């Protein structure tokens, strides 16, 4: 069950990222670029870890030709790139499956809210940042 939910979370992140504009060019985003590598499950589905980009901008980012990140995203990467899921789970008394289920429910709600004009990408990111910085 967990692998299915993880795949669904990955899809939701990309669907949400492609429903907004590129943070670099302002054109319609075609993908979401993970700032902290998607291998870090702790950060994989946090939308503040996603930079909505066009496919060309994404390729240029991986080629080292473009740095589309905001200063706060660069700082976040430096401060949290080595965070461990196990430590987070222990601190929050969770198991991995609960963590994945929470991420899934959250992403489904954000997707719905953005699609129905109940919130904007920028507001979601502000809320995530405020929550994480507390």
C-alpha atoms as a PDB file:
ATOM      1  CA  UNK A   1       0.000   0.000   0.000  1.00  0.00           C
ATOM      2  CA  UNK A   2       2.738   2.444   0.876  1.00  0.00           C
ATOM      3  CA  UNK A   3       4.452   2.217  -2.529  1.00  0.00           C
ATOM      4  CA  UNK A   4       1.141   2.932  -4.269  1.00  0.00           C
ATOM      5  CA  UNK A   5       0.554   5.979  -2.068  1.00  0.00           C
ATOM      6  CA  UNK A   6       4.125   7.170  -2.623  1.00  0.00           C
ATOM      7  CA  UNK A   7       3.626   6.984  -6.387  1.00  0.00           C
ATOM      8  CA  UNK A   8       0.329   8.844  -6.028  1.00  0.00           C
ATOM      9  CA  UNK A   9       2.054  11.545  -3.970  1.00  0.00           C
ATOM     10  CA  UNK A  10       4.681  11.915  -6.718  1.00  0.00           C
ATOM     11  CA  UNK A  11       1.908  12.326  -9.307  1.00  0.00           C
ATOM     12  CA  UNK A  12       0.059  14.862  -7.175  1.00  0.00           C
ATOM     13  CA  UNK A  13       3.201  16.961  -6.704  1.00  0.00           C
ATOM     14  CA  UNK A  14       3.701  17.108 -10.473  1.00  0.00           C
ATOM     15  CA  UNK A  15       0.015  17.821 -11.128  1.00  0.00           C
ATOM     16  CA  UNK A  16       0.070  20.672  -8.633  1.00  0.00           C
ATOM     17  CA  UNK A  17       3.348  22.071  -9.991  1.00  0.00           C
ATOM     18  CA  UNK A  18       2.053  22.016 -13.553  1.00  0.00           C
ATOM     19  CA  UNK A  19      -1.119  23.858 -12.566  1.00  0.00           C
ATOM     20  CA  UNK A  20       0.855  27.032 -11.813  1.00  0.00           C
ATOM     21  CA  UNK A  21       3.420  29.190 -13.580  1.00  0.00           C
ATOM     22  CA  UNK A  22       7.175  28.739 -13.722  1.00  0.00           C
ATOM     23  CA  UNK A  23       8.882  30.545 -10.886  1.00  0.00           C
ATOM     24  CA  UNK A  24      11.666  31.459 -13.308  1.00  0.00           C
ATOM     25  CA  UNK A  25       9.925  32.733 -16.434  1.00  0.00           C
ATOM     26  CA  UNK A  26       6.271  33.086 -15.472  1.00  0.00           C
ATOM     27  CA  UNK A  27       5.265  30.790 -18.346  1.00  0.00           C
ATOM     28  CA  UNK A  28       2.989  27.810 -17.647  1.00  0.00           C
ATOM     29  CA  UNK A  29       4.974  25.248 -15.652  1.00  0.00           C
ATOM     30  CA  UNK A  30       5.457  21.821 -17.224  1.00  0.00           C
ATOM     31  CA  UNK A  31       7.144  20.051 -14.309  1.00  0.00           C
ATOM     32  CA  UNK A  32       8.150  20.407 -10.710  1.00  0.00           C
ATOM     33  CA  UNK A  33      11.877  20.398  -9.927  1.00  0.00           C
ATOM     34  CA  UNK A  34      12.854  18.954  -6.543  1.00  0.00           C
ATOM     35  CA  UNK A  35      15.299  21.275  -4.803  1.00  0.00           C
ATOM     36  CA  UNK A  36      16.305  18.725  -2.173  1.00  0.00           C
ATOM     37  CA  UNK A  37      16.631  15.477  -4.115  1.00  0.00           C
ATOM     38  CA  UNK A  38      13.444  13.441  -4.346  1.00  0.00           C
ATOM     39  CA  UNK A  39      15.316  10.554  -2.756  1.00  0.00           C
ATOM     40  CA  UNK A  40      14.835  12.378   0.539  1.00  0.00           C
ATOM     41  CA  UNK A  41      11.376  11.122   1.475  1.00  0.00           C
ATOM     42  CA  UNK A  42      11.171  13.731   4.220  1.00  0.00           C
ATOM     43  CA  UNK A  43      11.278  16.536   1.618  1.00  0.00           C
ATOM     44  CA  UNK A  44       9.957  14.736  -1.449  1.00  0.00           C
ATOM     45  CA  UNK A  45       6.342  15.920  -1.173  1.00  0.00           C
ATOM     46  CA  UNK A  46       6.792  19.298   0.508  1.00  0.00           C
ATOM     47  CA  UNK A  47       5.681  21.800  -2.067  1.00  0.00           C
ATOM     48  CA  UNK A  48       8.133  24.405  -0.782  1.00  0.00           C
ATOM     49  CA  UNK A  49      10.780  21.957  -2.043  1.00  0.00           C
ATOM     50  CA  UNK A  50       9.362  22.168  -5.565  1.00  0.00           C
ATOM     51  CA  UNK A  51      10.269  24.752  -8.189  1.00  0.00           C
ATOM     52  CA  UNK A  52       7.628  24.851 -10.938  1.00  0.00           C
ATOM     53  CA  UNK A  53       9.508  25.133 -14.247  1.00  0.00           C
ATOM     54  CA  UNK A  54       9.117  24.596 -17.960  1.00  0.00           C
ATOM     55  CA  UNK A  55      10.784  21.485 -19.383  1.00  0.00           C
ATOM     56  CA  UNK A  56      13.500  23.631 -20.964  1.00  0.00           C
ATOM     57  CA  UNK A  57      14.199  25.439 -17.678  1.00  0.00           C
ATOM     58  CA  UNK A  58      14.314  22.105 -15.868  1.00  0.00           C
ATOM     59  CA  UNK A  59      16.875  20.723 -18.326  1.00  0.00           C
ATOM     60  CA  UNK A  60      18.927  23.914 -18.057  1.00  0.00           C
ATOM     61  CA  UNK A  61      18.829  23.658 -14.245  1.00  0.00           C
ATOM     62  CA  UNK A  62      20.201  20.108 -14.311  1.00  0.00           C
ATOM     63  CA  UNK A  63      22.850  21.165 -16.823  1.00  0.00           C
ATOM     64  CA  UNK A  64      23.988  23.910 -14.451  1.00  0.00           C
ATOM     65  CA  UNK A  65      22.997  26.659 -16.884  1.00  0.00           C
ATOM     66  CA  UNK A  66      20.159  28.089 -14.792  1.00  0.00           C
ATOM     67  CA  UNK A  67      19.579  28.574 -11.092  1.00  0.00           C
ATOM     68  CA  UNK A  68      15.865  29.304 -10.821  1.00  0.00           C
ATOM     69  CA  UNK A  69      15.726  29.202  -7.018  1.00  0.00           C
ATOM     70  CA  UNK A  70      14.683  31.973  -4.706  1.00  0.00           C
ATOM     71  CA  UNK A  71      17.197  32.882  -1.989  1.00  0.00           C
ATOM     72  CA  UNK A  72      15.035  31.250   0.695  1.00  0.00           C
ATOM     73  CA  UNK A  73      15.018  27.998  -1.335  1.00  0.00           C
ATOM     74  CA  UNK A  74      18.817  28.046  -1.612  1.00  0.00           C
ATOM     75  CA  UNK A  75      19.046  28.554   2.149  1.00  0.00           C
ATOM     76  CA  UNK A  76      16.514  25.767   2.785  1.00  0.00           C
ATOM     77  CA  UNK A  77      18.595  23.398   0.653  1.00  0.00           C
ATOM     78  CA  UNK A  78      21.761  24.227   2.563  1.00  0.00           C
ATOM     79  CA  UNK A  79      20.084  23.864   5.954  1.00  0.00           C
ATOM     80  CA  UNK A  80      18.013  20.737   5.367  1.00  0.00           C
ATOM     81  CA  UNK A  81      19.555  18.595   2.644  1.00  0.00           C
ATOM     82  CA  UNK A  82      20.788  16.057   5.180  1.00  0.00           C
ATOM     83  CA  UNK A  83      17.638  15.823   7.321  1.00  0.00           C
ATOM     84  CA  UNK A  84      16.685  12.258   8.106  1.00  0.00           C
ATOM     85  CA  UNK A  85      13.218  10.773   7.811  1.00  0.00           C
ATOM     86  CA  UNK A  86      13.835   8.407  10.717  1.00  0.00           C
ATOM     87  CA  UNK A  87      14.596  11.286  13.081  1.00  0.00           C
ATOM     88  CA  UNK A  88      11.468  13.139  11.954  1.00  0.00           C
ATOM     89  CA  UNK A  89       9.292  10.048  12.400  1.00  0.00           C
ATOM     90  CA  UNK A  90      10.657   9.469  15.895  1.00  0.00           C
ATOM     91  CA  UNK A  91      10.189  13.111  16.882  1.00  0.00           C
ATOM     92  CA  UNK A  92       6.572  13.064  15.653  1.00  0.00           C
ATOM     93  CA  UNK A  93       5.774   9.534  16.838  1.00  0.00           C
ATOM     94  CA  UNK A  94       4.880   8.371  13.325  1.00  0.00           C
ATOM     95  CA  UNK A  95       5.566   5.362  11.187  1.00  0.00           C
ATOM     96  CA  UNK A  96       6.452   5.737   7.531  1.00  0.00           C
ATOM     97  CA  UNK A  97       3.002   4.668   6.325  1.00  0.00           C
ATOM     98  CA  UNK A  98       1.340   7.364   8.451  1.00  0.00           C
ATOM     99  CA  UNK A  99       3.774   9.943   7.092  1.00  0.00           C
ATOM    100  CA  UNK A 100       2.970   8.941   3.504  1.00  0.00           C
ATOM    101  CA  UNK A 101      -0.773   8.935   4.174  1.00  0.00           C
ATOM    102  CA  UNK A 102      -0.579  12.421   5.684  1.00  0.00           C
ATOM    103  CA  UNK A 103       1.372  13.661   2.665  1.00  0.00           C
ATOM    104  CA  UNK A 104      -1.166  12.097   0.300  1.00  0.00           C
ATOM    105  CA  UNK A 105      -4.163  13.634   2.094  1.00  0.00           C
ATOM    106  CA  UNK A 106      -2.440  17.025   2.200  1.00  0.00           C
ATOM    107  CA  UNK A 107      -1.528  16.986  -1.494  1.00  0.00           C
ATOM    108  CA  UNK A 108      -5.028  15.900  -2.528  1.00  0.00           C
ATOM    109  CA  UNK A 109      -6.482  18.825  -0.558  1.00  0.00           C
ATOM    110  CA  UNK A 110      -3.999  21.342  -1.983  1.00  0.00           C
ATOM    111  CA  UNK A 111      -4.693  20.149  -5.517  1.00  0.00           C
ATOM    112  CA  UNK A 112      -8.438  20.527  -4.952  1.00  0.00           C
ATOM    113  CA  UNK A 113      -8.049  23.953  -3.363  1.00  0.00           C
ATOM    114  CA  UNK A 114      -5.864  25.287  -6.187  1.00  0.00           C
ATOM    115  CA  UNK A 115      -8.106  23.826  -8.900  1.00  0.00           C
ATOM    116  CA  UNK A 116     -11.183  25.395  -7.302  1.00  0.00           C
ATOM    117  CA  UNK A 117      -9.607  28.792  -6.676  1.00  0.00           C
ATOM    118  CA  UNK A 118      -9.668  28.373  -2.898  1.00  0.00           C
ATOM    119  CA  UNK A 119      -5.957  29.062  -2.575  1.00  0.00           C
ATOM    120  CA  UNK A 120      -2.917  29.968  -4.679  1.00  0.00           C
ATOM    121  CA  UNK A 121       0.455  28.275  -5.007  1.00  0.00           C
ATOM    122  CA  UNK A 122       2.152  31.231  -3.314  1.00  0.00           C
ATOM    123  CA  UNK A 123      -0.157  30.980  -0.294  1.00  0.00           C
ATOM    124  CA  UNK A 124       0.463  27.243   0.055  1.00  0.00           C
ATOM    125  CA  UNK A 125       4.221  27.840   0.025  1.00  0.00           C
ATOM    126  CA  UNK A 126       3.949  30.634   2.606  1.00  0.00           C
ATOM    127  CA  UNK A 127       1.972  28.349   4.928  1.00  0.00           C
ATOM    128  CA  UNK A 128       4.462  25.497   4.514  1.00  0.00           C
ATOM    129  CA  UNK A 129       7.392  27.780   5.213  1.00  0.00           C
ATOM    130  CA  UNK A 130       5.718  29.228   8.312  1.00  0.00           C
ATOM    131  CA  UNK A 131       4.899  25.739   9.598  1.00  0.00           C
ATOM    132  CA  UNK A 132       8.403  24.441   8.974  1.00  0.00           C
ATOM    133  CA  UNK A 133      10.085  27.474  10.562  1.00  0.00           C
ATOM    134  CA  UNK A 134       8.047  27.107  13.784  1.00  0.00           C
END
